[in-house]
């Protein structure tokens, strides 16, 4: 069975998600890469799906230097399609992979 591929467009990004992306320093491209290359998020609540991916970052965020950025995207599947819920980011190093 071929893995599902996500193509996230600007139209998919509702105001709540855009606000969280801006607040947390996450791009649309990072969301798409997380969904396509990430692993299941261990902290997704029942009925919610999530994917996590760790990016090399090697830059400053809010005045601090970080080696990595962990991005997690949460979503739900409905009969109408996928509903993007929110995104979170953690900055640091040594994040678990899978």
PDB file of N, CA and C in Angstrom:
ATOM      1  N   UNK A   1       0.837  -1.185   0.000  1.00  0.00           N
ATOM      2  CA  UNK A   1       0.000   0.000   0.000  1.00  0.00           C
ATOM      3  C   UNK A   1       0.883   1.250   0.000  1.00  0.00           C
ATOM      4  N   UNK A   2       0.610   2.144  -0.900  1.00  0.00           N
ATOM      5  CA  UNK A   2       1.392   3.377  -1.052  1.00  0.00           C
ATOM      6  C   UNK A   2       1.043   4.362   0.075  1.00  0.00           C
ATOM      7  N   UNK A   3       2.061   4.971   0.716  1.00  0.00           N
ATOM      8  CA  UNK A   3       1.772   5.937   1.775  1.00  0.00           C
ATOM      9  C   UNK A   3       1.018   7.154   1.237  1.00  0.00           C
ATOM     10  N   UNK A   4       0.181   7.693   2.086  1.00  0.00           N
ATOM     11  CA  UNK A   4      -0.578   8.883   1.709  1.00  0.00           C
ATOM     12  C   UNK A   4       0.357  10.074   1.534  1.00  0.00           C
ATOM     13  N   UNK A   5       0.090  10.883   0.517  1.00  0.00           N
ATOM     14  CA  UNK A   5       0.868  12.095   0.279  1.00  0.00           C
ATOM     15  C   UNK A   5      -0.024  13.300   0.496  1.00  0.00           C
ATOM     16  N   UNK A   6       0.473  14.252   1.255  1.00  0.00           N
ATOM     17  CA  UNK A   6      -0.267  15.474   1.532  1.00  0.00           C
ATOM     18  C   UNK A   6       0.271  16.606   0.677  1.00  0.00           C
ATOM     19  N   UNK A   7      -0.623  17.379   0.103  1.00  0.00           N
ATOM     20  CA  UNK A   7      -0.281  18.591  -0.629  1.00  0.00           C
ATOM     21  C   UNK A   7      -1.038  19.720   0.048  1.00  0.00           C
ATOM     22  N   UNK A   8      -0.345  20.507   0.847  1.00  0.00           N
ATOM     23  CA  UNK A   8      -0.968  21.576   1.620  1.00  0.00           C
ATOM     24  C   UNK A   8      -0.889  22.871   0.820  1.00  0.00           C
ATOM     25  N   UNK A   9      -2.042  23.466   0.564  1.00  0.00           N
ATOM     26  CA  UNK A   9      -2.083  24.721  -0.181  1.00  0.00           C
ATOM     27  C   UNK A   9      -2.382  25.871   0.772  1.00  0.00           C
ATOM     28  N   UNK A  10      -2.160  27.083   0.304  1.00  0.00           N
ATOM     29  CA  UNK A  10      -2.476  28.255   1.122  1.00  0.00           C
ATOM     30  C   UNK A  10      -3.951  28.285   1.502  1.00  0.00           C
ATOM     31  N   UNK A  11      -4.815  27.761   0.625  1.00  0.00           N
ATOM     32  CA  UNK A  11      -6.258  27.740   0.894  1.00  0.00           C
ATOM     33  C   UNK A  11      -6.597  26.816   2.070  1.00  0.00           C
ATOM     34  N   UNK A  12      -5.735  25.838   2.369  1.00  0.00           N
ATOM     35  CA  UNK A  12      -5.960  24.917   3.494  1.00  0.00           C
ATOM     36  C   UNK A  12      -5.700  25.574   4.849  1.00  0.00           C
ATOM     37  N   UNK A  13      -4.988  26.688   4.833  1.00  0.00           N
ATOM     38  CA  UNK A  13      -4.516  27.310   6.073  1.00  0.00           C
ATOM     39  C   UNK A  13      -5.526  28.337   6.585  1.00  0.00           C
ATOM     40  N   UNK A  14      -6.402  27.890   7.466  1.00  0.00           N
ATOM     41  CA  UNK A  14      -7.428  28.767   8.021  1.00  0.00           C
ATOM     42  C   UNK A  14      -6.802  29.742   9.024  1.00  0.00           C
ATOM     43  N   UNK A  15      -7.502  30.801   9.418  1.00  0.00           N
ATOM     44  CA  UNK A  15      -6.932  31.848  10.279  1.00  0.00           C
ATOM     45  C   UNK A  15      -6.315  31.342  11.580  1.00  0.00           C
ATOM     46  N   UNK A  16      -6.952  30.381  12.256  1.00  0.00           N
ATOM     47  CA  UNK A  16      -6.383  29.859  13.508  1.00  0.00           C
ATOM     48  C   UNK A  16      -5.022  29.205  13.249  1.00  0.00           C
ATOM     49  N   UNK A  17      -4.958  28.399  12.202  1.00  0.00           N
ATOM     50  CA  UNK A  17      -3.712  27.716  11.875  1.00  0.00           C
ATOM     51  C   UNK A  17      -2.632  28.722  11.464  1.00  0.00           C
ATOM     52  N   UNK A  18      -2.994  29.705  10.663  1.00  0.00           N
ATOM     53  CA  UNK A  18      -2.032  30.743  10.263  1.00  0.00           C
ATOM     54  C   UNK A  18      -1.491  31.500  11.474  1.00  0.00           C
ATOM     55  N   UNK A  19      -2.358  31.783  12.433  1.00  0.00           N
ATOM     56  CA  UNK A  19      -1.926  32.489  13.648  1.00  0.00           C
ATOM     57  C   UNK A  19      -0.934  31.640  14.430  1.00  0.00           C
ATOM     58  N   UNK A  20      -1.204  30.346  14.565  1.00  0.00           N
ATOM     59  CA  UNK A  20      -0.290  29.461  15.294  1.00  0.00           C
ATOM     60  C   UNK A  20       1.030  29.306  14.544  1.00  0.00           C
ATOM     61  N   UNK A  21       0.972  29.238  13.234  1.00  0.00           N
ATOM     62  CA  UNK A  21       2.191  29.133  12.434  1.00  0.00           C
ATOM     63  C   UNK A  21       3.078  30.347  12.667  1.00  0.00           C
ATOM     64  N   UNK A  22       2.490  31.522  12.612  1.00  0.00           N
ATOM     65  CA  UNK A  22       3.238  32.754  12.815  1.00  0.00           C
ATOM     66  C   UNK A  22       3.810  32.816  14.228  1.00  0.00           C
ATOM     67  N   UNK A  23       2.977  32.506  15.193  1.00  0.00           N
ATOM     68  CA  UNK A  23       3.374  32.553  16.604  1.00  0.00           C
ATOM     69  C   UNK A  23       4.503  31.571  16.902  1.00  0.00           C
ATOM     70  N   UNK A  24       4.528  30.450  16.208  1.00  0.00           N
ATOM     71  CA  UNK A  24       5.459  29.365  16.528  1.00  0.00           C
ATOM     72  C   UNK A  24       6.583  29.195  15.508  1.00  0.00           C
ATOM     73  N   UNK A  25       6.600  30.043  14.474  1.00  0.00           N
ATOM     74  CA  UNK A  25       7.693  30.021  13.509  1.00  0.00           C
ATOM     75  C   UNK A  25       7.687  28.832  12.557  1.00  0.00           C
ATOM     76  N   UNK A  26       6.504  28.432  12.105  1.00  0.00           N
ATOM     77  CA  UNK A  26       6.375  27.273  11.227  1.00  0.00           C
ATOM     78  C   UNK A  26       5.875  27.726   9.855  1.00  0.00           C
ATOM     79  N   UNK A  27       6.466  27.180   8.794  1.00  0.00           N
ATOM     80  CA  UNK A  27       6.066  27.532   7.433  1.00  0.00           C
ATOM     81  C   UNK A  27       5.131  26.463   6.843  1.00  0.00           C
ATOM     82  N   UNK A  28       4.449  26.818   5.770  1.00  0.00           N
ATOM     83  CA  UNK A  28       3.587  25.871   5.062  1.00  0.00           C
ATOM     84  C   UNK A  28       4.425  24.695   4.551  1.00  0.00           C
ATOM     85  N   UNK A  29       5.613  24.980   4.061  1.00  0.00           N
ATOM     86  CA  UNK A  29       6.490  23.930   3.549  1.00  0.00           C
ATOM     87  C   UNK A  29       6.886  22.955   4.672  1.00  0.00           C
ATOM     88  N   UNK A  30       7.128  23.466   5.870  1.00  0.00           N
ATOM     89  CA  UNK A  30       7.458  22.587   6.997  1.00  0.00           C
ATOM     90  C   UNK A  30       6.262  21.718   7.385  1.00  0.00           C
ATOM     91  N   UNK A  31       5.064  22.278   7.314  1.00  0.00           N
ATOM     92  CA  UNK A  31       3.867  21.485   7.589  1.00  0.00           C
ATOM     93  C   UNK A  31       3.758  20.344   6.584  1.00  0.00           C
ATOM     94  N   UNK A  32       3.913  20.667   5.325  1.00  0.00           N
ATOM     95  CA  UNK A  32       3.807  19.642   4.280  1.00  0.00           C
ATOM     96  C   UNK A  32       4.884  18.568   4.442  1.00  0.00           C
ATOM     97  N   UNK A  33       6.103  18.974   4.714  1.00  0.00           N
ATOM     98  CA  UNK A  33       7.184  18.003   4.897  1.00  0.00           C
ATOM     99  C   UNK A  33       6.933  17.137   6.132  1.00  0.00           C
ATOM    100  N   UNK A  34       6.438  17.731   7.194  1.00  0.00           N
ATOM    101  CA  UNK A  34       6.117  16.975   8.407  1.00  0.00           C
ATOM    102  C   UNK A  34       5.057  15.924   8.113  1.00  0.00           C
ATOM    103  N   UNK A  35       4.025  16.314   7.396  1.00  0.00           N
ATOM    104  CA  UNK A  35       2.957  15.368   7.070  1.00  0.00           C
ATOM    105  C   UNK A  35       3.441  14.238   6.162  1.00  0.00           C
ATOM    106  N   UNK A  36       4.338  14.533   5.251  1.00  0.00           N
ATOM    107  CA  UNK A  36       4.787  13.541   4.273  1.00  0.00           C
ATOM    108  C   UNK A  36       5.968  12.696   4.729  1.00  0.00           C
ATOM    109  N   UNK A  37       6.803  13.227   5.615  1.00  0.00           N
ATOM    110  CA  UNK A  37       7.997  12.489   6.026  1.00  0.00           C
ATOM    111  C   UNK A  37       8.023  12.176   7.513  1.00  0.00           C
ATOM    112  N   UNK A  38       7.087  12.740   8.253  1.00  0.00           N
ATOM    113  CA  UNK A  38       7.089  12.568   9.702  1.00  0.00           C
ATOM    114  C   UNK A  38       6.516  11.241  10.160  1.00  0.00           C
ATOM    115  N   UNK A  39       6.521  11.073  11.455  1.00  0.00           N
ATOM    116  CA  UNK A  39       6.001   9.873  12.101  1.00  0.00           C
ATOM    117  C   UNK A  39       4.789  10.251  12.954  1.00  0.00           C
ATOM    118  N   UNK A  40       4.021   9.257  13.350  1.00  0.00           N
ATOM    119  CA  UNK A  40       2.821   9.516  14.133  1.00  0.00           C
ATOM    120  C   UNK A  40       3.170  10.220  15.440  1.00  0.00           C
ATOM    121  N   UNK A  41       2.423  11.267  15.756  1.00  0.00           N
ATOM    122  CA  UNK A  41       2.625  12.021  16.993  1.00  0.00           C
ATOM    123  C   UNK A  41       2.086  11.204  18.162  1.00  0.00           C
ATOM    124  N   UNK A  42       2.939  10.954  19.131  1.00  0.00           N
ATOM    125  CA  UNK A  42       2.561  10.135  20.281  1.00  0.00           C
ATOM    126  C   UNK A  42       1.536  10.826  21.178  1.00  0.00           C
ATOM    127  N   UNK A  43       1.451  12.149  21.109  1.00  0.00           N
ATOM    128  CA  UNK A  43       0.562  12.878  22.025  1.00  0.00           C
ATOM    129  C   UNK A  43      -0.767  13.285  21.397  1.00  0.00           C
ATOM    130  N   UNK A  44      -1.088  12.759  20.214  1.00  0.00           N
ATOM    131  CA  UNK A  44      -2.367  13.092  19.583  1.00  0.00           C
ATOM    132  C   UNK A  44      -3.506  12.494  20.414  1.00  0.00           C
ATOM    133  N   UNK A  45      -4.527  13.308  20.651  1.00  0.00           N
ATOM    134  CA  UNK A  45      -5.662  12.858  21.448  1.00  0.00           C
ATOM    135  C   UNK A  45      -6.551  11.931  20.631  1.00  0.00           C
ATOM    136  N   UNK A  46      -7.379  11.157  21.319  1.00  0.00           N
ATOM    137  CA  UNK A  46      -8.276  10.225  20.649  1.00  0.00           C
ATOM    138  C   UNK A  46      -9.140  10.962  19.625  1.00  0.00           C
ATOM    139  N   UNK A  47      -9.207  10.429  18.429  1.00  0.00           N
ATOM    140  CA  UNK A  47      -9.985  11.045  17.366  1.00  0.00           C
ATOM    141  C   UNK A  47      -9.221  12.081  16.569  1.00  0.00           C
ATOM    142  N   UNK A  48      -8.008  12.378  17.005  1.00  0.00           N
ATOM    143  CA  UNK A  48      -7.145  13.351  16.322  1.00  0.00           C
ATOM    144  C   UNK A  48      -5.894  12.633  15.848  1.00  0.00           C
ATOM    145  N   UNK A  49      -5.436  12.975  14.675  1.00  0.00           N
ATOM    146  CA  UNK A  49      -4.200  12.428  14.138  1.00  0.00           C
ATOM    147  C   UNK A  49      -3.111  13.489  14.219  1.00  0.00           C
ATOM    148  N   UNK A  50      -1.883  13.053  14.262  1.00  0.00           N
ATOM    149  CA  UNK A  50      -0.779  14.000  14.282  1.00  0.00           C
ATOM    150  C   UNK A  50       0.462  13.395  13.664  1.00  0.00           C
ATOM    151  N   UNK A  51       1.285  14.254  13.106  1.00  0.00           N
ATOM    152  CA  UNK A  51       2.572  13.859  12.547  1.00  0.00           C
ATOM    153  C   UNK A  51       3.639  14.782  13.114  1.00  0.00           C
ATOM    154  N   UNK A  52       4.821  14.212  13.377  1.00  0.00           N
ATOM    155  CA  UNK A  52       5.948  14.959  13.931  1.00  0.00           C
ATOM    156  C   UNK A  52       7.168  14.751  13.045  1.00  0.00           C
ATOM    157  N   UNK A  53       7.968  15.810  12.904  1.00  0.00           N
ATOM    158  CA  UNK A  53       9.215  15.732  12.155  1.00  0.00           C
ATOM    159  C   UNK A  53      10.222  16.673  12.800  1.00  0.00           C
ATOM    160  N   UNK A  54      11.486  16.275  12.796  1.00  0.00           N
ATOM    161  CA  UNK A  54      12.557  17.106  13.353  1.00  0.00           C
ATOM    162  C   UNK A  54      13.398  17.653  12.209  1.00  0.00           C
ATOM    163  N   UNK A  55      13.528  18.964  12.183  1.00  0.00           N
ATOM    164  CA  UNK A  55      14.306  19.666  11.163  1.00  0.00           C
ATOM    165  C   UNK A  55      15.629  20.137  11.760  1.00  0.00           C
ATOM    166  N   UNK A  56      16.702  20.117  10.958  1.00  0.00           N
ATOM    167  CA  UNK A  56      17.913  20.828  11.344  1.00  0.00           C
ATOM    168  C   UNK A  56      17.556  22.308  11.290  1.00  0.00           C
ATOM    169  N   UNK A  57      17.899  23.062  12.301  1.00  0.00           N
ATOM    170  CA  UNK A  57      17.505  24.474  12.358  1.00  0.00           C
ATOM    171  C   UNK A  57      18.734  25.383  12.327  1.00  0.00           C
ATOM    172  N   UNK A  58      19.624  25.222  13.275  1.00  0.00           N
ATOM    173  CA  UNK A  58      20.887  25.955  13.337  1.00  0.00           C
ATOM    174  C   UNK A  58      20.715  27.454  13.121  1.00  0.00           C
ATOM    175  N   UNK A  59      19.812  28.035  13.897  1.00  0.00           N
ATOM    176  CA  UNK A  59      19.515  29.463  13.789  1.00  0.00           C
ATOM    177  C   UNK A  59      18.935  29.949  15.111  1.00  0.00           C
ATOM    178  N   UNK A  60      18.699  31.255  15.164  1.00  0.00           N
ATOM    179  CA  UNK A  60      18.093  31.840  16.359  1.00  0.00           C
ATOM    180  C   UNK A  60      16.580  31.884  16.238  1.00  0.00           C
ATOM    181  N   UNK A  61      15.930  31.683  17.368  1.00  0.00           N
ATOM    182  CA  UNK A  61      14.487  31.866  17.494  1.00  0.00           C
ATOM    183  C   UNK A  61      14.279  32.626  18.798  1.00  0.00           C
ATOM    184  N   UNK A  62      13.653  33.763  18.694  1.00  0.00           N
ATOM    185  CA  UNK A  62      13.382  34.624  19.846  1.00  0.00           C
ATOM    186  C   UNK A  62      14.634  34.862  20.694  1.00  0.00           C
ATOM    187  N   UNK A  63      15.745  35.144  20.010  1.00  0.00           N
ATOM    188  CA  UNK A  63      16.973  35.538  20.687  1.00  0.00           C
ATOM    189  C   UNK A  63      17.851  34.413  21.194  1.00  0.00           C
ATOM    190  N   UNK A  64      17.471  33.173  20.966  1.00  0.00           N
ATOM    191  CA  UNK A  64      18.258  32.014  21.401  1.00  0.00           C
ATOM    192  C   UNK A  64      18.643  31.184  20.181  1.00  0.00           C
ATOM    193  N   UNK A  65      19.831  30.592  20.216  1.00  0.00           N
ATOM    194  CA  UNK A  65      20.288  29.726  19.129  1.00  0.00           C
ATOM    195  C   UNK A  65      19.820  28.297  19.395  1.00  0.00           C
ATOM    196  N   UNK A  66      19.305  27.645  18.357  1.00  0.00           N
ATOM    197  CA  UNK A  66      18.847  26.260  18.471  1.00  0.00           C
ATOM    198  C   UNK A  66      19.365  25.435  17.291  1.00  0.00           C
ATOM    199  N   UNK A  67      19.721  24.199  17.584  1.00  0.00           N
ATOM    200  CA  UNK A  67      20.214  23.286  16.556  1.00  0.00           C
ATOM    201  C   UNK A  67      19.088  22.636  15.763  1.00  0.00           C
ATOM    202  N   UNK A  68      17.950  22.384  16.435  1.00  0.00           N
ATOM    203  CA  UNK A  68      16.860  21.662  15.786  1.00  0.00           C
ATOM    204  C   UNK A  68      15.506  22.315  16.080  1.00  0.00           C
ATOM    205  N   UNK A  69      14.555  21.977  15.228  1.00  0.00           N
ATOM    206  CA  UNK A  69      13.161  22.394  15.435  1.00  0.00           C
ATOM    207  C   UNK A  69      12.281  21.175  15.204  1.00  0.00           C
ATOM    208  N   UNK A  70      11.467  20.844  16.206  1.00  0.00           N
ATOM    209  CA  UNK A  70      10.515  19.746  16.090  1.00  0.00           C
ATOM    210  C   UNK A  70       9.137  20.331  15.794  1.00  0.00           C
ATOM    211  N   UNK A  71       8.543  19.906  14.684  1.00  0.00           N
ATOM    212  CA  UNK A  71       7.226  20.401  14.270  1.00  0.00           C
ATOM    213  C   UNK A  71       6.225  19.252  14.367  1.00  0.00           C
ATOM    214  N   UNK A  72       5.062  19.544  14.958  1.00  0.00           N
ATOM    215  CA  UNK A  72       3.973  18.569  15.025  1.00  0.00           C
ATOM    216  C   UNK A  72       2.715  19.218  14.468  1.00  0.00           C
ATOM    217  N   UNK A  73       2.040  18.495  13.581  1.00  0.00           N
ATOM    218  CA  UNK A  73       0.808  18.970  12.949  1.00  0.00           C
ATOM    219  C   UNK A  73      -0.319  18.035  13.373  1.00  0.00           C
ATOM    220  N   UNK A  74      -1.426  18.625  13.834  1.00  0.00           N
ATOM    221  CA  UNK A  74      -2.590  17.844  14.258  1.00  0.00           C
ATOM    222  C   UNK A  74      -3.743  18.080  13.288  1.00  0.00           C
ATOM    223  N   UNK A  75      -4.487  16.995  13.014  1.00  0.00           N
ATOM    224  CA  UNK A  75      -5.588  17.091  12.053  1.00  0.00           C
ATOM    225  C   UNK A  75      -6.612  15.996  12.317  1.00  0.00           C
ATOM    226  N   UNK A  76      -7.776  16.138  11.685  1.00  0.00           N
ATOM    227  CA  UNK A  76      -8.835  15.129  11.751  1.00  0.00           C
ATOM    228  C   UNK A  76      -9.283  14.797  10.345  1.00  0.00           C
ATOM    229  N   UNK A  77      -9.743  13.573  10.179  1.00  0.00           N
ATOM    230  CA  UNK A  77     -10.352  13.141   8.918  1.00  0.00           C
ATOM    231  C   UNK A  77     -11.864  13.142   9.106  1.00  0.00           C
ATOM    232  N   UNK A  78     -12.559  13.693   8.134  1.00  0.00           N
ATOM    233  CA  UNK A  78     -14.012  13.667   8.140  1.00  0.00           C
ATOM    234  C   UNK A  78     -14.483  13.194   6.771  1.00  0.00           C
ATOM    235  N   UNK A  79     -15.773  13.001   6.644  1.00  0.00           N
ATOM    236  CA  UNK A  79     -16.307  12.619   5.333  1.00  0.00           C
ATOM    237  C   UNK A  79     -16.039  13.705   4.299  1.00  0.00           C
ATOM    238  N   UNK A  80     -15.964  14.955   4.755  1.00  0.00           N
ATOM    239  CA  UNK A  80     -15.718  16.081   3.851  1.00  0.00           C
ATOM    240  C   UNK A  80     -14.238  16.243   3.507  1.00  0.00           C
ATOM    241  N   UNK A  81     -13.370  15.547   4.222  1.00  0.00           N
ATOM    242  CA  UNK A  81     -11.943  15.658   3.960  1.00  0.00           C
ATOM    243  C   UNK A  81     -11.157  15.863   5.238  1.00  0.00           C
ATOM    244  N   UNK A  82      -9.977  16.436   5.098  1.00  0.00           N
ATOM    245  CA  UNK A  82      -9.090  16.656   6.238  1.00  0.00           C
ATOM    246  C   UNK A  82      -9.327  18.043   6.811  1.00  0.00           C
ATOM    247  N   UNK A  83      -9.384  18.099   8.137  1.00  0.00           N
ATOM    248  CA  UNK A  83      -9.490  19.373   8.850  1.00  0.00           C
ATOM    249  C   UNK A  83      -8.170  19.582   9.577  1.00  0.00           C
ATOM    250  N   UNK A  84      -7.460  20.634   9.207  1.00  0.00           N
ATOM    251  CA  UNK A  84      -6.185  20.966   9.856  1.00  0.00           C
ATOM    252  C   UNK A  84      -6.513  21.673  11.159  1.00  0.00           C
ATOM    253  N   UNK A  85      -6.026  21.161  12.280  1.00  0.00           N
ATOM    254  CA  UNK A  85      -6.373  21.716  13.591  1.00  0.00           C
ATOM    255  C   UNK A  85      -5.367  22.752  14.080  1.00  0.00           C
ATOM    256  N   UNK A  86      -4.140  22.320  14.275  1.00  0.00           N
ATOM    257  CA  UNK A  86      -3.130  23.257  14.766  1.00  0.00           C
ATOM    258  C   UNK A  86      -1.744  22.686  14.498  1.00  0.00           C
ATOM    259  N   UNK A  87      -0.750  23.491  14.804  1.00  0.00           N
ATOM    260  CA  UNK A  87       0.640  23.102  14.649  1.00  0.00           C
ATOM    261  C   UNK A  87       1.402  23.614  15.868  1.00  0.00           C
ATOM    262  N   UNK A  88       2.404  22.834  16.285  1.00  0.00           N
ATOM    263  CA  UNK A  88       3.263  23.318  17.363  1.00  0.00           C
ATOM    264  C   UNK A  88       4.712  23.104  16.969  1.00  0.00           C
ATOM    265  N   UNK A  89       5.579  23.872  17.590  1.00  0.00           N
ATOM    266  CA  UNK A  89       7.018  23.744  17.335  1.00  0.00           C
ATOM    267  C   UNK A  89       7.756  23.802  18.659  1.00  0.00           C
ATOM    268  N   UNK A  90       8.792  22.988  18.750  1.00  0.00           N
ATOM    269  CA  UNK A  90       9.704  23.045  19.897  1.00  0.00           C
ATOM    270  C   UNK A  90      11.101  23.234  19.332  1.00  0.00           C
ATOM    271  N   UNK A  91      11.853  24.075  19.989  1.00  0.00           N
ATOM    272  CA  UNK A  91      13.209  24.373  19.550  1.00  0.00           C
ATOM    273  C   UNK A  91      14.185  23.815  20.573  1.00  0.00           C
ATOM    274  N   UNK A  92      15.271  23.187  20.106  1.00  0.00           N
ATOM    275  CA  UNK A  92      16.259  22.614  21.008  1.00  0.00           C
ATOM    276  C   UNK A  92      17.194  21.716  20.232  1.00  0.00           C
ATOM    277  N   UNK A  93      17.528  20.580  20.849  1.00  0.00           N
ATOM    278  CA  UNK A  93      18.352  19.573  20.182  1.00  0.00           C
ATOM    279  C   UNK A  93      18.152  18.232  20.857  1.00  0.00           C
ATOM    280  N   UNK A  94      18.480  17.183  20.128  1.00  0.00           N
ATOM    281  CA  UNK A  94      18.369  15.839  20.669  1.00  0.00           C
ATOM    282  C   UNK A  94      16.951  15.307  20.731  1.00  0.00           C
ATOM    283  N   UNK A  95      16.056  15.840  19.899  1.00  0.00           N
ATOM    284  CA  UNK A  95      14.681  15.348  19.881  1.00  0.00           C
ATOM    285  C   UNK A  95      14.653  13.901  19.385  1.00  0.00           C
ATOM    286  N   UNK A  96      13.751  13.110  19.977  1.00  0.00           N
ATOM    287  CA  UNK A  96      13.568  11.733  19.547  1.00  0.00           C
ATOM    288  C   UNK A  96      13.027  11.705  18.130  1.00  0.00           C
ATOM    289  N   UNK A  97      13.452  10.739  17.403  1.00  0.00           N
ATOM    290  CA  UNK A  97      12.951  10.540  16.034  1.00  0.00           C
ATOM    291  C   UNK A  97      12.255   9.197  16.018  1.00  0.00           C
ATOM    292  N   UNK A  98      10.952   9.272  15.965  1.00  0.00           N
ATOM    293  CA  UNK A  98      10.034   8.130  15.987  1.00  0.00           C
ATOM    294  C   UNK A  98       9.806   7.696  17.361  1.00  0.00           C
TER     295      UNK A  98
END
